[in-house]
Amino acid sequence: MTHWLRVRRAWVMVETIALLAVLMVAGGDHTVAVPTVIGGGTGAIVWSTFVPLGWAAVVAYAFEHHGTDAEARPARRLWAFDVALVAVMSGLAAGVFAVTGSVETLAQVAAHVLLVSGLTAGVTVCRGSGTGILVTTVLVLLTFSYGVSAPGADYVRVLQPDGDVVWSLAVGVAVFVAGLATIWWRRESPPVRAEA
């Protein structure tokens, strides 16, 4: 178990949650001007909405060694521990970020954390950590660059405070469940071996 926690970098996840919480408090309500590609104009984004992207990076980092020889023991059911780790750490991250943030509600923060956690974990387990963080970054950039006045903005801007909260939470939960299902589904995959 200790080796698994070290491989999954559980303490790095906890330390990152604390660091991102400090950054949220320090940053306050500072905004960043972001040009909108669809819908024209520019938008202002509270910089704390970038925090879930930092969380996504640590999730990708934690799962970049999925399928190594240390995990190639199906009797140990490490996939169940992986699912539990993502669920517990994402819940902890959402709670801490909601308490330390000043703009977004708990539902908004939970939606954002669930969305990036599920997407990053699922893609990382299938295609590697680089692809996992790239896909999440592209999603974040898409939601930032979609204008407030563009058609369907409430439903596209799922990672923005001005997006529809219920829709963001529904998408976040669906993507998170899909990410956990991907971890579970990959449990029987053969271990990844580095070629010499």
N, C-alpha and C. Protein backbone atom coordinates (compact mmCIF):
# COMPACT_ATOMS: atom_id res chain seq x y z
N MET A 1 0.82 -1.20 0.00
CA MET A 1 0.00 0.00 0.00
C MET A 1 0.86 1.26 0.00
N THR A 2 1.93 1.23 0.78
CA THR A 2 2.82 2.40 0.83
C THR A 2 3.45 2.64 -0.52
N HIS A 3 3.83 1.55 -1.19
CA HIS A 3 4.43 1.71 -2.53
C HIS A 3 3.40 2.28 -3.51
N TRP A 4 2.17 1.81 -3.42
CA TRP A 4 1.12 2.33 -4.30
C TRP A 4 0.90 3.82 -4.07
N LEU A 5 0.86 4.24 -2.79
CA LEU A 5 0.69 5.66 -2.48
C LEU A 5 1.85 6.49 -3.03
N ARG A 6 3.05 5.92 -3.00
CA ARG A 6 4.21 6.63 -3.53
C ARG A 6 4.13 6.71 -5.06
N VAL A 7 3.72 5.61 -5.70
CA VAL A 7 3.59 5.60 -7.16
C VAL A 7 2.51 6.57 -7.60
N ARG A 8 1.40 6.64 -6.87
CA ARG A 8 0.30 7.53 -7.21
C ARG A 8 0.53 8.97 -6.75
N ARG A 9 1.59 9.18 -6.01
CA ARG A 9 1.96 10.53 -5.56
C ARG A 9 0.82 11.19 -4.77
N ALA A 10 0.26 10.43 -3.84
CA ALA A 10 -0.88 10.93 -3.06
C ALA A 10 -0.50 12.17 -2.26
N TRP A 11 0.69 12.21 -1.68
CA TRP A 11 1.08 13.39 -0.90
C TRP A 11 1.30 14.60 -1.78
N VAL A 12 1.74 14.38 -3.01
CA VAL A 12 1.88 15.50 -3.94
C VAL A 12 0.51 16.10 -4.24
N MET A 13 -0.50 15.24 -4.32
CA MET A 13 -1.86 15.73 -4.56
C MET A 13 -2.33 16.60 -3.39
N VAL A 14 -2.08 16.15 -2.18
CA VAL A 14 -2.49 16.91 -0.99
C VAL A 14 -1.73 18.23 -0.94
N GLU A 15 -0.42 18.20 -1.19
CA GLU A 15 0.38 19.43 -1.17
C GLU A 15 -0.07 20.40 -2.25
N THR A 16 -0.44 19.89 -3.41
CA THR A 16 -0.91 20.76 -4.50
C THR A 16 -2.24 21.41 -4.14
N ILE A 17 -3.13 20.67 -3.49
CA ILE A 17 -4.40 21.26 -3.05
C ILE A 17 -4.11 22.43 -2.12
N ALA A 18 -3.20 22.24 -1.17
CA ALA A 18 -2.86 23.31 -0.23
C ALA A 18 -2.24 24.50 -0.96
N LEU A 19 -1.33 24.24 -1.89
CA LEU A 19 -0.68 25.32 -2.64
C LEU A 19 -1.70 26.10 -3.48
N LEU A 20 -2.57 25.39 -4.17
CA LEU A 20 -3.57 26.07 -5.00
C LEU A 20 -4.56 26.86 -4.14
N ALA A 21 -4.87 26.36 -2.94
CA ALA A 21 -5.74 27.11 -2.03
C ALA A 21 -5.08 28.41 -1.60
N VAL A 22 -3.80 28.35 -1.30
CA VAL A 22 -3.06 29.57 -0.93
C VAL A 22 -3.05 30.55 -2.09
N LEU A 23 -2.85 30.05 -3.30
CA LEU A 23 -2.86 30.93 -4.47
C LEU A 23 -4.23 31.56 -4.70
N MET A 24 -5.28 30.81 -4.43
CA MET A 24 -6.63 31.37 -4.58
C MET A 24 -6.87 32.51 -3.59
N VAL A 25 -6.41 32.31 -2.35
CA VAL A 25 -6.57 33.36 -1.34
C VAL A 25 -5.72 34.57 -1.71
N ALA A 26 -4.49 34.33 -2.13
CA ALA A 26 -3.59 35.44 -2.47
C ALA A 26 -4.07 36.20 -3.70
N GLY A 27 -4.65 35.48 -4.66
CA GLY A 27 -5.08 36.12 -5.89
C GLY A 27 -6.35 36.92 -5.76
N GLY A 28 -7.21 36.53 -4.82
CA GLY A 28 -8.45 37.26 -4.62
C GLY A 28 -9.32 37.28 -5.86
N ASP A 29 -9.86 38.46 -6.15
CA ASP A 29 -10.77 38.62 -7.28
C ASP A 29 -10.11 39.25 -8.49
N HIS A 30 -8.80 39.11 -8.63
CA HIS A 30 -8.12 39.68 -9.80
C HIS A 30 -8.64 39.03 -11.07
N THR A 31 -8.80 39.85 -12.10
CA THR A 31 -9.31 39.34 -13.36
C THR A 31 -8.23 39.36 -14.42
N VAL A 32 -8.43 38.51 -15.42
CA VAL A 32 -7.53 38.42 -16.56
C VAL A 32 -8.37 38.65 -17.80
N ALA A 33 -7.93 39.56 -18.67
CA ALA A 33 -8.66 39.80 -19.92
C ALA A 33 -8.33 38.69 -20.91
N VAL A 34 -9.37 38.10 -21.47
CA VAL A 34 -9.21 37.00 -22.41
C VAL A 34 -10.00 37.34 -23.67
N PRO A 35 -9.35 37.29 -24.84
CA PRO A 35 -10.09 37.55 -26.07
C PRO A 35 -11.05 36.40 -26.38
N THR A 36 -12.21 36.73 -26.88
CA THR A 36 -13.15 35.69 -27.27
C THR A 36 -13.02 35.45 -28.77
N VAL A 37 -12.92 34.20 -29.14
CA VAL A 37 -12.77 33.82 -30.54
C VAL A 37 -14.14 33.69 -31.18
N ILE A 38 -15.07 33.12 -30.45
CA ILE A 38 -16.43 32.95 -30.96
C ILE A 38 -17.33 33.92 -30.22
N GLY A 39 -17.99 34.78 -30.93
CA GLY A 39 -18.88 35.74 -30.31
C GLY A 39 -18.31 37.14 -30.24
N GLY A 40 -17.05 37.31 -30.54
CA GLY A 40 -16.42 38.63 -30.57
C GLY A 40 -16.24 39.26 -29.21
N GLY A 41 -15.46 40.33 -29.19
CA GLY A 41 -15.22 41.08 -27.96
C GLY A 41 -14.17 40.43 -27.08
N THR A 42 -14.07 40.94 -25.88
CA THR A 42 -13.17 40.35 -24.91
C THR A 42 -13.95 40.07 -23.63
N GLY A 43 -13.42 39.19 -22.87
CA GLY A 43 -14.06 38.86 -21.61
C GLY A 43 -13.06 38.97 -20.48
N ALA A 44 -13.56 39.15 -19.30
CA ALA A 44 -12.71 39.19 -18.11
C ALA A 44 -12.99 37.94 -17.30
N ILE A 45 -11.93 37.25 -16.94
CA ILE A 45 -12.06 36.02 -16.20
C ILE A 45 -11.35 36.17 -14.87
N VAL A 46 -12.00 35.78 -13.80
CA VAL A 46 -11.35 35.77 -12.50
C VAL A 46 -10.25 34.73 -12.57
N TRP A 47 -9.04 35.12 -12.18
CA TRP A 47 -7.90 34.24 -12.40
C TRP A 47 -8.01 32.92 -11.64
N SER A 48 -8.83 32.87 -10.59
CA SER A 48 -8.97 31.63 -9.83
C SER A 48 -9.67 30.53 -10.64
N THR A 49 -10.27 30.90 -11.78
CA THR A 49 -10.87 29.86 -12.62
C THR A 49 -9.80 29.03 -13.33
N PHE A 50 -8.54 29.49 -13.28
CA PHE A 50 -7.45 28.69 -13.83
C PHE A 50 -7.00 27.59 -12.86
N VAL A 51 -7.40 27.68 -11.60
CA VAL A 51 -6.96 26.72 -10.58
C VAL A 51 -7.31 25.28 -10.95
N PRO A 52 -8.50 24.98 -11.48
CA PRO A 52 -8.76 23.59 -11.87
C PRO A 52 -7.76 23.05 -12.90
N LEU A 53 -7.18 23.90 -13.71
CA LEU A 53 -6.17 23.43 -14.66
C LEU A 53 -4.91 22.98 -13.91
N GLY A 54 -4.55 23.69 -12.85
CA GLY A 54 -3.44 23.24 -12.00
C GLY A 54 -3.75 21.91 -11.35
N TRP A 55 -4.99 21.74 -10.92
CA TRP A 55 -5.41 20.47 -10.34
C TRP A 55 -5.34 19.36 -11.38
N ALA A 56 -5.75 19.67 -12.63
CA ALA A 56 -5.68 18.66 -13.70
C ALA A 56 -4.25 18.21 -13.94
N ALA A 57 -3.30 19.13 -13.84
CA ALA A 57 -1.89 18.77 -14.05
C ALA A 57 -1.42 17.77 -13.01
N VAL A 58 -1.83 17.95 -11.76
CA VAL A 58 -1.39 17.01 -10.72
C VAL A 58 -2.10 15.66 -10.85
N VAL A 59 -3.32 15.64 -11.34
CA VAL A 59 -4.00 14.37 -11.59
C VAL A 59 -3.27 13.61 -12.70
N ALA A 60 -2.89 14.31 -13.76
CA ALA A 60 -2.13 13.68 -14.84
C ALA A 60 -0.80 13.16 -14.33
N TYR A 61 -0.14 13.94 -13.50
CA TYR A 61 1.14 13.54 -12.92
C TYR A 61 0.99 12.29 -12.05
N ALA A 62 -0.09 12.22 -11.29
CA ALA A 62 -0.32 11.07 -10.41
C ALA A 62 -0.60 9.80 -11.19
N PHE A 63 -1.21 9.91 -12.36
CA PHE A 63 -1.58 8.72 -13.11
C PHE A 63 -0.69 8.44 -14.31
N GLU A 64 0.44 9.11 -14.41
CA GLU A 64 1.29 8.88 -15.57
C GLU A 64 1.97 7.52 -15.53
N HIS A 65 2.02 6.87 -14.38
CA HIS A 65 2.64 5.56 -14.28
C HIS A 65 1.62 4.44 -14.19
N HIS A 66 0.42 4.70 -14.70
CA HIS A 66 -0.62 3.66 -14.67
C HIS A 66 -0.17 2.47 -15.50
N GLY A 67 -0.28 1.30 -14.91
CA GLY A 67 0.07 0.09 -15.66
C GLY A 67 1.52 -0.33 -15.49
N THR A 68 2.26 0.23 -14.55
CA THR A 68 3.64 -0.19 -14.35
C THR A 68 3.67 -1.54 -13.67
N ASP A 69 4.85 -2.16 -13.62
CA ASP A 69 4.98 -3.48 -13.02
C ASP A 69 4.53 -3.51 -11.57
N ALA A 70 4.71 -2.39 -10.86
CA ALA A 70 4.30 -2.35 -9.45
C ALA A 70 2.79 -2.50 -9.31
N GLU A 71 2.06 -2.22 -10.39
CA GLU A 71 0.61 -2.29 -10.32
C GLU A 71 0.07 -3.52 -11.05
N ALA A 72 0.95 -4.37 -11.54
CA ALA A 72 0.52 -5.48 -12.39
C ALA A 72 0.11 -6.70 -11.57
N ARG A 73 -0.54 -6.50 -10.46
CA ARG A 73 -1.01 -7.58 -9.61
C ARG A 73 -2.54 -7.48 -9.50
N PRO A 74 -3.28 -8.18 -10.38
CA PRO A 74 -4.73 -8.02 -10.38
C PRO A 74 -5.38 -8.41 -9.06
N ALA A 75 -4.76 -9.32 -8.28
CA ALA A 75 -5.37 -9.72 -7.02
C ALA A 75 -5.42 -8.57 -6.03
N ARG A 76 -4.56 -7.61 -6.17
CA ARG A 76 -4.51 -6.50 -5.24
C ARG A 76 -5.61 -5.48 -5.53
N ARG A 77 -6.23 -5.56 -6.70
CA ARG A 77 -7.33 -4.67 -7.08
C ARG A 77 -6.94 -3.20 -6.92
N LEU A 78 -5.80 -2.87 -7.47
CA LEU A 78 -5.33 -1.49 -7.36
C LEU A 78 -6.22 -0.52 -8.10
N TRP A 79 -6.95 -0.99 -9.09
CA TRP A 79 -7.85 -0.10 -9.81
C TRP A 79 -8.90 0.48 -8.88
N ALA A 80 -9.34 -0.30 -7.88
CA ALA A 80 -10.33 0.21 -6.92
C ALA A 80 -9.71 1.31 -6.06
N PHE A 81 -8.44 1.15 -5.71
CA PHE A 81 -7.74 2.20 -4.97
C PHE A 81 -7.58 3.45 -5.83
N ASP A 82 -7.32 3.25 -7.12
CA ASP A 82 -7.18 4.40 -8.03
C ASP A 82 -8.48 5.19 -8.11
N VAL A 83 -9.59 4.48 -8.26
CA VAL A 83 -10.90 5.13 -8.32
C VAL A 83 -11.17 5.88 -7.02
N ALA A 84 -10.88 5.23 -5.89
CA ALA A 84 -11.10 5.88 -4.59
C ALA A 84 -10.19 7.10 -4.42
N LEU A 85 -8.94 6.99 -4.87
CA LEU A 85 -8.01 8.12 -4.75
C LEU A 85 -8.52 9.34 -5.53
N VAL A 86 -8.93 9.12 -6.77
CA VAL A 86 -9.43 10.24 -7.57
C VAL A 86 -10.69 10.82 -6.93
N ALA A 87 -11.58 9.98 -6.46
CA ALA A 87 -12.83 10.46 -5.86
C ALA A 87 -12.56 11.26 -4.59
N VAL A 88 -11.75 10.71 -3.70
CA VAL A 88 -11.49 11.38 -2.42
C VAL A 88 -10.71 12.68 -2.63
N MET A 89 -9.65 12.63 -3.44
CA MET A 89 -8.83 13.83 -3.64
C MET A 89 -9.60 14.91 -4.40
N SER A 90 -10.43 14.53 -5.34
CA SER A 90 -11.23 15.53 -6.07
C SER A 90 -12.26 16.16 -5.15
N GLY A 91 -12.87 15.35 -4.28
CA GLY A 91 -13.80 15.91 -3.29
C GLY A 91 -13.10 16.86 -2.33
N LEU A 92 -11.91 16.48 -1.88
CA LEU A 92 -11.13 17.35 -1.01
C LEU A 92 -10.75 18.64 -1.72
N ALA A 93 -10.31 18.52 -2.97
CA ALA A 93 -9.93 19.71 -3.74
C ALA A 93 -11.13 20.64 -3.92
N ALA A 94 -12.28 20.09 -4.29
CA ALA A 94 -13.47 20.92 -4.50
C ALA A 94 -13.86 21.64 -3.21
N GLY A 95 -13.82 20.94 -2.09
CA GLY A 95 -14.17 21.56 -0.82
C GLY A 95 -13.21 22.66 -0.42
N VAL A 96 -11.91 22.39 -0.54
CA VAL A 96 -10.91 23.40 -0.18
C VAL A 96 -10.98 24.60 -1.10
N PHE A 97 -11.12 24.36 -2.41
CA PHE A 97 -11.18 25.47 -3.36
C PHE A 97 -12.44 26.31 -3.16
N ALA A 98 -13.54 25.68 -2.80
CA ALA A 98 -14.78 26.42 -2.56
C ALA A 98 -14.66 27.30 -1.32
N VAL A 99 -13.99 26.80 -0.29
CA VAL A 99 -13.84 27.58 0.94
C VAL A 99 -12.89 28.76 0.74
N THR A 100 -11.80 28.53 -0.02
CA THR A 100 -10.79 29.58 -0.19
C THR A 100 -11.12 30.55 -1.32
N GLY A 101 -11.95 30.16 -2.26
CA GLY A 101 -12.33 31.06 -3.35
C GLY A 101 -13.40 32.03 -2.90
N SER A 102 -13.48 33.14 -3.59
CA SER A 102 -14.45 34.15 -3.17
C SER A 102 -15.55 34.40 -4.19
N VAL A 103 -15.39 33.88 -5.39
CA VAL A 103 -16.34 34.22 -6.45
C VAL A 103 -17.33 33.09 -6.72
N GLU A 104 -16.86 31.89 -6.81
CA GLU A 104 -17.69 30.78 -7.24
C GLU A 104 -18.34 30.07 -6.05
N THR A 105 -19.51 29.50 -6.31
CA THR A 105 -20.21 28.74 -5.28
C THR A 105 -19.63 27.33 -5.21
N LEU A 106 -20.01 26.59 -4.19
CA LEU A 106 -19.54 25.21 -4.04
C LEU A 106 -19.93 24.37 -5.26
N ALA A 107 -21.15 24.56 -5.77
CA ALA A 107 -21.60 23.79 -6.94
C ALA A 107 -20.74 24.09 -8.15
N GLN A 108 -20.38 25.37 -8.37
CA GLN A 108 -19.54 25.72 -9.51
C GLN A 108 -18.15 25.12 -9.38
N VAL A 109 -17.57 25.24 -8.20
CA VAL A 109 -16.23 24.70 -7.98
C VAL A 109 -16.25 23.18 -8.13
N ALA A 110 -17.26 22.54 -7.55
CA ALA A 110 -17.36 21.08 -7.67
C ALA A 110 -17.49 20.66 -9.14
N ALA A 111 -18.30 21.39 -9.90
CA ALA A 111 -18.45 21.09 -11.32
C ALA A 111 -17.13 21.19 -12.05
N HIS A 112 -16.38 22.24 -11.79
CA HIS A 112 -15.11 22.44 -12.47
C HIS A 112 -14.09 21.38 -12.09
N VAL A 113 -13.99 21.08 -10.80
CA VAL A 113 -13.02 20.08 -10.34
C VAL A 113 -13.39 18.69 -10.85
N LEU A 114 -14.66 18.34 -10.80
CA LEU A 114 -15.09 17.04 -11.29
C LEU A 114 -14.83 16.90 -12.79
N LEU A 115 -15.11 17.95 -13.53
CA LEU A 115 -14.91 17.91 -14.98
C LEU A 115 -13.45 17.71 -15.33
N VAL A 116 -12.56 18.51 -14.77
CA VAL A 116 -11.15 18.38 -15.13
C VAL A 116 -10.53 17.11 -14.55
N SER A 117 -10.97 16.68 -13.37
CA SER A 117 -10.44 15.45 -12.78
C SER A 117 -10.82 14.24 -13.62
N GLY A 118 -12.09 14.14 -13.97
CA GLY A 118 -12.55 13.00 -14.76
C GLY A 118 -11.93 12.96 -16.14
N LEU A 119 -11.90 14.11 -16.81
CA LEU A 119 -11.33 14.17 -18.15
C LEU A 119 -9.85 13.83 -18.13
N THR A 120 -9.12 14.45 -17.22
CA THR A 120 -7.67 14.23 -17.17
C THR A 120 -7.34 12.80 -16.78
N ALA A 121 -7.99 12.28 -15.76
CA ALA A 121 -7.70 10.90 -15.32
C ALA A 121 -8.03 9.90 -16.41
N GLY A 122 -9.18 10.05 -17.03
CA GLY A 122 -9.58 9.11 -18.08
C GLY A 122 -8.65 9.12 -19.27
N VAL A 123 -8.31 10.30 -19.75
CA VAL A 123 -7.42 10.39 -20.91
C VAL A 123 -6.00 9.96 -20.55
N THR A 124 -5.54 10.32 -19.36
CA THR A 124 -4.18 9.94 -18.93
C THR A 124 -4.04 8.43 -18.85
N VAL A 125 -5.03 7.75 -18.30
CA VAL A 125 -4.97 6.30 -18.17
C VAL A 125 -4.92 5.64 -19.56
N CYS A 126 -5.62 6.23 -20.52
CA CYS A 126 -5.66 5.64 -21.87
C CYS A 126 -4.48 6.05 -22.75
N ARG A 127 -4.08 7.33 -22.69
CA ARG A 127 -3.12 7.86 -23.65
C ARG A 127 -1.88 8.51 -23.07
N GLY A 128 -1.78 8.60 -21.76
CA GLY A 128 -0.59 9.19 -21.15
C GLY A 128 -0.86 10.57 -20.57
N SER A 129 0.05 10.99 -19.69
CA SER A 129 -0.16 12.25 -18.97
C SER A 129 -0.09 13.47 -19.88
N GLY A 130 0.77 13.44 -20.88
CA GLY A 130 0.87 14.58 -21.80
C GLY A 130 -0.43 14.81 -22.54
N THR A 131 -1.02 13.74 -23.03
CA THR A 131 -2.29 13.85 -23.73
C THR A 131 -3.41 14.26 -22.78
N GLY A 132 -3.37 13.73 -21.56
CA GLY A 132 -4.40 14.06 -20.58
C GLY A 132 -4.44 15.54 -20.26
N ILE A 133 -3.29 16.14 -20.01
CA ILE A 133 -3.27 17.57 -19.68
C ILE A 133 -3.51 18.41 -20.93
N LEU A 134 -3.09 17.92 -22.10
CA LEU A 134 -3.34 18.67 -23.34
C LEU A 134 -4.84 18.76 -23.62
N VAL A 135 -5.55 17.65 -23.51
CA VAL A 135 -6.99 17.65 -23.78
C VAL A 135 -7.71 18.58 -22.80
N THR A 136 -7.31 18.54 -21.53
CA THR A 136 -7.94 19.40 -20.54
C THR A 136 -7.64 20.87 -20.81
N THR A 137 -6.41 21.17 -21.19
CA THR A 137 -6.03 22.55 -21.50
C THR A 137 -6.81 23.07 -22.70
N VAL A 138 -6.99 22.24 -23.72
CA VAL A 138 -7.76 22.65 -24.89
C VAL A 138 -9.21 22.93 -24.48
N LEU A 139 -9.78 22.10 -23.62
CA LEU A 139 -11.15 22.36 -23.14
C LEU A 139 -11.23 23.69 -22.40
N VAL A 140 -10.26 23.94 -21.52
CA VAL A 140 -10.25 25.20 -20.77
C VAL A 140 -10.15 26.39 -21.73
N LEU A 141 -9.25 26.30 -22.71
CA LEU A 141 -9.11 27.40 -23.68
C LEU A 141 -10.37 27.58 -24.50
N LEU A 142 -11.04 26.51 -24.86
CA LEU A 142 -12.29 26.61 -25.61
C LEU A 142 -13.35 27.32 -24.79
N THR A 143 -13.49 26.95 -23.53
CA THR A 143 -14.52 27.58 -22.71
C THR A 143 -14.18 29.04 -22.41
N PHE A 144 -12.91 29.37 -22.31
CA PHE A 144 -12.52 30.76 -22.08
C PHE A 144 -12.76 31.62 -23.31
N SER A 145 -12.50 31.05 -24.48
CA SER A 145 -12.56 31.86 -25.70
C SER A 145 -13.95 31.91 -26.32
N TYR A 146 -14.91 31.22 -25.76
CA TYR A 146 -16.28 31.26 -26.27
C TYR A 146 -16.99 32.44 -25.62
N GLY A 147 -17.42 33.37 -26.42
CA GLY A 147 -17.99 34.62 -25.93
C GLY A 147 -19.27 34.46 -25.15
N VAL A 148 -19.49 35.38 -24.23
CA VAL A 148 -20.69 35.37 -23.40
C VAL A 148 -21.94 35.57 -24.24
N SER A 149 -21.83 36.36 -25.30
CA SER A 149 -22.99 36.65 -26.14
C SER A 149 -23.18 35.65 -27.27
N ALA A 150 -22.27 34.69 -27.42
CA ALA A 150 -22.39 33.69 -28.48
C ALA A 150 -23.55 32.74 -28.18
N PRO A 151 -24.13 32.14 -29.22
CA PRO A 151 -25.26 31.22 -28.99
C PRO A 151 -24.85 30.04 -28.10
N GLY A 152 -25.67 29.73 -27.13
CA GLY A 152 -25.42 28.61 -26.24
C GLY A 152 -24.27 28.80 -25.28
N ALA A 153 -23.91 30.06 -25.01
CA ALA A 153 -22.76 30.33 -24.14
C ALA A 153 -22.92 29.74 -22.74
N ASP A 154 -24.13 29.73 -22.22
CA ASP A 154 -24.35 29.17 -20.88
C ASP A 154 -23.97 27.69 -20.82
N TYR A 155 -24.07 27.01 -21.96
CA TYR A 155 -23.83 25.57 -21.98
C TYR A 155 -22.41 25.22 -22.45
N VAL A 156 -21.76 26.11 -23.15
CA VAL A 156 -20.39 25.87 -23.60
C VAL A 156 -19.40 26.31 -22.53
N ARG A 157 -19.71 27.37 -21.84
CA ARG A 157 -18.78 27.94 -20.85
C ARG A 157 -18.93 27.20 -19.51
N VAL A 158 -18.74 25.88 -19.53
CA VAL A 158 -18.94 25.06 -18.34
C VAL A 158 -17.86 25.28 -17.28
N LEU A 159 -16.73 25.85 -17.65
CA LEU A 159 -15.66 26.10 -16.68
C LEU A 159 -15.59 27.57 -16.27
N GLN A 160 -16.63 28.32 -16.56
CA GLN A 160 -16.67 29.74 -16.23
C GLN A 160 -17.72 30.02 -15.16
N PRO A 161 -17.47 31.01 -14.31
CA PRO A 161 -18.46 31.34 -13.27
C PRO A 161 -19.81 31.79 -13.83
N ASP A 162 -19.81 32.34 -15.05
CA ASP A 162 -21.07 32.82 -15.60
C ASP A 162 -21.83 31.76 -16.40
N GLY A 163 -21.31 30.54 -16.45
CA GLY A 163 -22.00 29.46 -17.14
C GLY A 163 -23.19 28.97 -16.31
N ASP A 164 -24.03 28.19 -16.92
CA ASP A 164 -25.19 27.63 -16.23
C ASP A 164 -24.71 26.62 -15.18
N VAL A 165 -25.04 26.85 -13.92
CA VAL A 165 -24.51 26.05 -12.81
C VAL A 165 -25.02 24.61 -12.88
N VAL A 166 -26.31 24.44 -13.11
CA VAL A 166 -26.88 23.09 -13.15
C VAL A 166 -26.28 22.29 -14.30
N TRP A 167 -26.17 22.92 -15.46
CA TRP A 167 -25.59 22.25 -16.62
C TRP A 167 -24.11 21.92 -16.36
N SER A 168 -23.36 22.86 -15.80
CA SER A 168 -21.95 22.62 -15.50
C SER A 168 -21.79 21.45 -14.53
N LEU A 169 -22.63 21.40 -13.52
CA LEU A 169 -22.56 20.32 -12.54
C LEU A 169 -22.93 18.98 -13.18
N ALA A 170 -23.94 18.98 -14.04
CA ALA A 170 -24.34 17.74 -14.72
C ALA A 170 -23.22 17.24 -15.63
N VAL A 171 -22.61 18.15 -16.39
CA VAL A 171 -21.50 17.76 -17.27
C VAL A 171 -20.31 17.29 -16.43
N GLY A 172 -20.02 18.01 -15.35
CA GLY A 172 -18.91 17.64 -14.48
C GLY A 172 -19.09 16.25 -13.90
N VAL A 173 -20.27 15.95 -13.40
CA VAL A 173 -20.54 14.63 -12.81
C VAL A 173 -20.45 13.54 -13.89
N ALA A 174 -21.02 13.81 -15.07
CA ALA A 174 -20.99 12.81 -16.15
C ALA A 174 -19.56 12.52 -16.60
N VAL A 175 -18.75 13.54 -16.76
CA VAL A 175 -17.36 13.34 -17.19
C VAL A 175 -16.55 12.67 -16.08
N PHE A 176 -16.82 13.02 -14.84
CA PHE A 176 -16.12 12.41 -13.72
C PHE A 176 -16.44 10.92 -13.63
N VAL A 177 -17.71 10.57 -13.75
CA VAL A 177 -18.11 9.16 -13.73
C VAL A 177 -17.48 8.42 -14.91
N ALA A 178 -17.43 9.05 -16.09
CA ALA A 178 -16.79 8.42 -17.25
C ALA A 178 -15.29 8.23 -17.00
N GLY A 179 -14.64 9.19 -16.36
CA GLY A 179 -13.22 9.04 -16.03
C GLY A 179 -12.98 7.90 -15.06
N LEU A 180 -13.82 7.79 -14.03
CA LEU A 180 -13.70 6.68 -13.08
C LEU A 180 -13.98 5.35 -13.76
N ALA A 181 -14.95 5.33 -14.66
CA ALA A 181 -15.25 4.10 -15.40
C ALA A 181 -14.08 3.70 -16.29
N THR A 182 -13.39 4.68 -16.84
CA THR A 182 -12.22 4.39 -17.66
C THR A 182 -11.11 3.77 -16.83
N ILE A 183 -10.89 4.30 -15.63
CA ILE A 183 -9.90 3.71 -14.73
C ILE A 183 -10.29 2.27 -14.41
N TRP A 184 -11.56 2.03 -14.11
CA TRP A 184 -12.04 0.70 -13.81
C TRP A 184 -11.91 -0.22 -15.02
N TRP A 185 -12.25 0.28 -16.19
CA TRP A 185 -12.22 -0.51 -17.41
C TRP A 185 -10.78 -0.90 -17.77
N ARG A 186 -9.83 -0.02 -17.52
CA ARG A 186 -8.43 -0.29 -17.85
C ARG A 186 -7.75 -1.21 -16.84
N ARG A 187 -8.45 -1.68 -15.83
CA ARG A 187 -7.84 -2.48 -14.77
C ARG A 187 -7.26 -3.79 -15.29
N GLU A 188 -7.84 -4.31 -16.37
CA GLU A 188 -7.35 -5.58 -16.89
C GLU A 188 -6.38 -5.40 -18.04
N SER A 189 -5.99 -4.15 -18.32
CA SER A 189 -5.05 -3.91 -19.40
C SER A 189 -3.69 -4.45 -19.02
N PRO A 190 -2.94 -4.91 -20.00
CA PRO A 190 -1.60 -5.40 -19.68
C PRO A 190 -0.71 -4.25 -19.24
N PRO A 191 0.30 -4.53 -18.41
CA PRO A 191 1.18 -3.46 -17.96
C PRO A 191 1.96 -2.85 -19.11
N VAL A 192 2.18 -1.56 -19.03
CA VAL A 192 2.95 -0.84 -20.05
C VAL A 192 4.42 -1.09 -19.75
N ARG A 193 5.17 -1.54 -20.75
CA ARG A 193 6.60 -1.79 -20.55
C ARG A 193 7.38 -0.88 -21.49
N ALA A 194 8.41 -0.29 -20.93
CA ALA A 194 9.27 0.59 -21.72
C ALA A 194 10.17 -0.26 -22.60
N GLU A 195 10.24 0.11 -23.85
CA GLU A 195 11.12 -0.59 -24.78
C GLU A 195 12.53 -0.02 -24.65
N ALA A 196 13.50 -0.90 -24.67
CA ALA A 196 14.91 -0.45 -24.54
C ALA A 196 15.45 0.01 -25.87
